Amino acid sequence: MAICPKCGEKIERLDVMVTRRDLCRYRDGDFDNEENIGFDIDYWKCPACHAVLDIEPNMEAADGFLMV
């Protein structure tokens, strides 16, 4: 089980901040028909102390951190 380097808690998962890209349609002053077309991982956070962790912004790096 991974240990947060900031607070020392044992953690089984990570929180993640992502930026989404959506395709929307605009008409008559409103957006509708939202469709997610992708996302970028911004950073990973500890679910216990909410500190931003120094982990590369990809799922492979997160998996490696959690497998420790």
C-alpha atoms as a PDB file:
ATOM      1  CA  MET A   1       0.000   0.000   0.000  1.00  0.00           C
ATOM      2  CA  ALA A   2       1.258   3.474  -0.879  1.00  0.00           C
ATOM      3  CA  ILE A   3       2.089   6.074   1.756  1.00  0.00           C
ATOM      4  CA  CYS A   4       1.532   9.779   1.167  1.00  0.00           C
ATOM      5  CA  PRO A   5       4.910  11.546   1.262  1.00  0.00           C
ATOM      6  CA  LYS A   6       3.234  14.682   2.671  1.00  0.00           C
ATOM      7  CA  CYS A   7       1.096  13.363   5.565  1.00  0.00           C
ATOM      8  CA  GLY A   8       2.322   9.772   5.986  1.00  0.00           C
ATOM      9  CA  GLU A   9      -1.147   8.208   5.649  1.00  0.00           C
ATOM     10  CA  LYS A  10      -1.575   4.869   3.908  1.00  0.00           C
ATOM     11  CA  ILE A  11      -3.606   5.404   0.733  1.00  0.00           C
ATOM     12  CA  GLU A  12      -5.236   2.978  -1.688  1.00  0.00           C
ATOM     13  CA  ARG A  13      -6.379   5.551  -4.259  1.00  0.00           C
ATOM     14  CA  LEU A  14      -5.542   9.023  -5.510  1.00  0.00           C
ATOM     15  CA  ASP A  15      -7.692  12.036  -6.214  1.00  0.00           C
ATOM     16  CA  VAL A  16      -7.068  13.564  -9.625  1.00  0.00           C
ATOM     17  CA  MET A  17      -7.741  16.971 -11.159  1.00  0.00           C
ATOM     18  CA  VAL A  18      -8.560  16.830 -14.860  1.00  0.00           C
ATOM     19  CA  THR A  19      -9.357  19.324 -17.589  1.00  0.00           C
ATOM     20  CA  ARG A  20     -12.152  18.066 -19.837  1.00  0.00           C
ATOM     21  CA  ARG A  21     -12.833  18.932 -23.445  1.00  0.00           C
ATOM     22  CA  ASP A  22     -16.490  18.843 -24.359  1.00  0.00           C
ATOM     23  CA  LEU A  23     -18.266  19.330 -27.638  1.00  0.00           C
ATOM     24  CA  CYS A  24     -21.373  21.451 -27.052  1.00  0.00           C
ATOM     25  CA  ARG A  25     -23.983  22.969 -29.261  1.00  0.00           C
ATOM     26  CA  TYR A  26     -25.026  26.555 -28.738  1.00  0.00           C
ATOM     27  CA  ARG A  27     -28.370  27.939 -29.733  1.00  0.00           C
ATOM     28  CA  ASP A  28     -30.713  30.587 -28.415  1.00  0.00           C
ATOM     29  CA  GLY A  29     -28.426  31.595 -25.547  1.00  0.00           C
ATOM     30  CA  ASP A  30     -27.907  28.082 -24.187  1.00  0.00           C
ATOM     31  CA  PHE A  31     -25.515  25.127 -24.491  1.00  0.00           C
ATOM     32  CA  ASP A  32     -26.873  21.623 -24.949  1.00  0.00           C
ATOM     33  CA  ASN A  33     -25.973  18.169 -26.261  1.00  0.00           C
ATOM     34  CA  GLU A  34     -22.708  18.048 -24.329  1.00  0.00           C
ATOM     35  CA  GLU A  35     -20.329  15.291 -25.457  1.00  0.00           C
ATOM     36  CA  ASN A  36     -17.008  14.599 -23.747  1.00  0.00           C
ATOM     37  CA  ILE A  37     -14.247  14.281 -26.343  1.00  0.00           C
ATOM     38  CA  GLY A  38     -11.209  14.021 -24.081  1.00  0.00           C
ATOM     39  CA  PHE A  39      -9.397  15.072 -20.943  1.00  0.00           C
ATOM     40  CA  ASP A  40      -5.946  15.933 -19.642  1.00  0.00           C
ATOM     41  CA  ILE A  41      -4.692  14.958 -16.200  1.00  0.00           C
ATOM     42  CA  ASP A  42      -3.544  18.112 -14.396  1.00  0.00           C
ATOM     43  CA  TYR A  43      -2.244  16.651 -11.130  1.00  0.00           C
ATOM     44  CA  TRP A  44      -2.727  13.959  -8.497  1.00  0.00           C
ATOM     45  CA  LYS A  45      -3.733  14.662  -4.883  1.00  0.00           C
ATOM     46  CA  CYS A  46      -3.659  12.700  -1.642  1.00  0.00           C
ATOM     47  CA  PRO A  47      -7.240  11.781  -0.651  1.00  0.00           C
ATOM     48  CA  ALA A  48      -6.324  12.124   3.048  1.00  0.00           C
ATOM     49  CA  CYS A  49      -4.526  15.500   3.276  1.00  0.00           C
ATOM     50  CA  HIS A  50      -5.392  16.864  -0.208  1.00  0.00           C
ATOM     51  CA  ALA A  51      -1.763  17.784  -0.930  1.00  0.00           C
ATOM     52  CA  VAL A  52      -0.668  17.866  -4.556  1.00  0.00           C
ATOM     53  CA  LEU A  53       1.700  14.934  -5.105  1.00  0.00           C
ATOM     54  CA  ASP A  54       4.824  14.903  -7.241  1.00  0.00           C
ATOM     55  CA  ILE A  55       3.597  12.228  -9.671  1.00  0.00           C
ATOM     56  CA  GLU A  56       3.754  12.554 -13.453  1.00  0.00           C
ATOM     57  CA  PRO A  57       0.329  13.417 -14.902  1.00  0.00           C
ATOM     58  CA  ASN A  58      -0.424  10.018 -16.422  1.00  0.00           C
ATOM     59  CA  MET A  59      -2.149   6.841 -15.262  1.00  0.00           C
ATOM     60  CA  GLU A  60       0.971   4.684 -15.533  1.00  0.00           C
ATOM     61  CA  ALA A  61       2.814   6.894 -13.037  1.00  0.00           C
ATOM     62  CA  ALA A  62      -0.159   6.819 -10.666  1.00  0.00           C
ATOM     63  CA  ASP A  63      -0.356   3.022 -10.922  1.00  0.00           C
ATOM     64  CA  GLY A  64       3.354   2.794 -10.144  1.00  0.00           C
ATOM     65  CA  PHE A  65       2.980   5.044  -7.099  1.00  0.00           C
ATOM     66  CA  LEU A  66       0.051   3.020  -5.748  1.00  0.00           C
ATOM     67  CA  MET A  67       1.772  -0.333  -6.288  1.00  0.00           C
ATOM     68  CA  VAL A  68       4.579   0.502  -3.836  1.00  0.00           C
END
